[in-house]
Amino acid sequence: FGSSKQSAVVENTEIMGTENNLYFTFGGAQTIARVSKYEISKPGDTIDFVFIPSRIHFFDKQTEKSLF
């Protein structure tokens, strides 16, 4: 992933207290972005984002264990 801005449509949200999780599909994969509690997005909203490689986590679909 480069540092260019990407866009996606929010499919679901989860309020976690001090943070919110935004669920969306990107590149054919289910993706979750952890954002500030002040980022108020709802399903159907289009969000813009940039991947930060050092902050990305990948999980095994079967075991749900972190790959790295």
Protein backbone atom coordinates (compact mmCIF):
# COMPACT_ATOMS: atom_id res chain seq x y z
CA PHE A 1 0.00 0.00 0.00
CA GLY A 2 1.21 3.46 -0.78
CA SER A 3 0.49 6.63 1.07
CA SER A 4 -2.14 7.83 -1.39
CA LYS A 5 -5.63 8.62 -0.17
CA GLN A 6 -8.23 5.87 -0.59
CA SER A 7 -12.03 5.92 -0.24
CA ALA A 8 -14.62 3.39 0.90
CA VAL A 9 -18.25 3.23 1.99
CA VAL A 10 -18.86 2.45 5.67
CA GLU A 11 -20.88 -0.77 6.02
CA ASN A 12 -21.18 -0.84 9.80
CA THR A 13 -19.94 0.98 12.89
CA GLU A 14 -19.12 -0.13 16.42
CA ILE A 15 -18.83 2.34 19.30
CA MET A 16 -16.09 1.17 21.68
CA GLY A 17 -15.95 3.97 24.26
CA THR A 18 -12.77 5.92 23.56
CA GLU A 19 -12.67 4.68 19.95
CA ASN A 20 -15.03 3.66 17.16
CA ASN A 21 -14.55 0.84 14.66
CA LEU A 22 -15.59 1.45 11.06
CA TYR A 23 -16.24 -1.64 8.92
CA PHE A 24 -15.89 -1.48 5.14
CA THR A 25 -14.74 -3.53 2.17
CA PHE A 26 -11.51 -2.51 0.49
CA GLY A 27 -9.80 -4.47 -2.28
CA GLY A 28 -12.26 -7.33 -1.78
CA ALA A 29 -11.35 -7.75 1.90
CA GLN A 30 -13.34 -6.87 4.99
CA THR A 31 -11.50 -4.01 6.66
CA ILE A 32 -11.86 -2.41 10.07
CA ALA A 33 -10.53 1.05 10.86
CA ARG A 34 -10.13 2.06 14.49
CA VAL A 35 -10.80 5.79 14.74
CA SER A 36 -11.26 8.47 17.38
CA LYS A 37 -14.56 8.52 19.27
CA TYR A 38 -15.05 11.94 17.70
CA GLU A 39 -15.11 10.42 14.18
CA ILE A 40 -18.85 10.02 13.74
CA SER A 41 -19.55 7.98 10.60
CA LYS A 42 -22.59 5.87 9.88
CA PRO A 43 -23.35 3.10 7.38
CA GLY A 44 -23.55 4.53 3.87
CA ASP A 45 -21.06 7.34 4.55
CA THR A 46 -18.02 7.57 2.27
CA ILE A 47 -14.76 7.90 4.17
CA ASP A 48 -11.29 8.87 2.95
CA PHE A 49 -8.25 7.25 4.56
CA VAL A 50 -4.55 6.55 4.19
CA PHE A 51 -2.91 3.25 5.21
CA ILE A 52 -0.03 3.58 7.68
CA PRO A 53 2.01 0.37 7.18
CA SER A 54 3.36 0.31 10.74
CA ARG A 55 -0.21 0.35 12.10
CA ILE A 56 -1.74 -2.38 9.91
CA HIS A 57 -2.64 -5.76 11.43
CA PHE A 58 -3.55 -8.87 9.40
CA PHE A 59 -5.56 -11.79 10.81
CA ASP A 60 -6.03 -15.39 9.70
CA LYS A 61 -9.63 -15.77 8.50
CA GLN A 62 -10.01 -19.25 10.01
CA THR A 63 -8.29 -18.86 13.37
CA GLU A 64 -8.70 -15.08 13.76
CA LYS A 65 -5.11 -15.01 15.09
CA SER A 66 -2.84 -12.10 14.21
CA LEU A 67 -0.45 -12.90 11.35
CA PHE A 68 1.67 -9.77 11.94
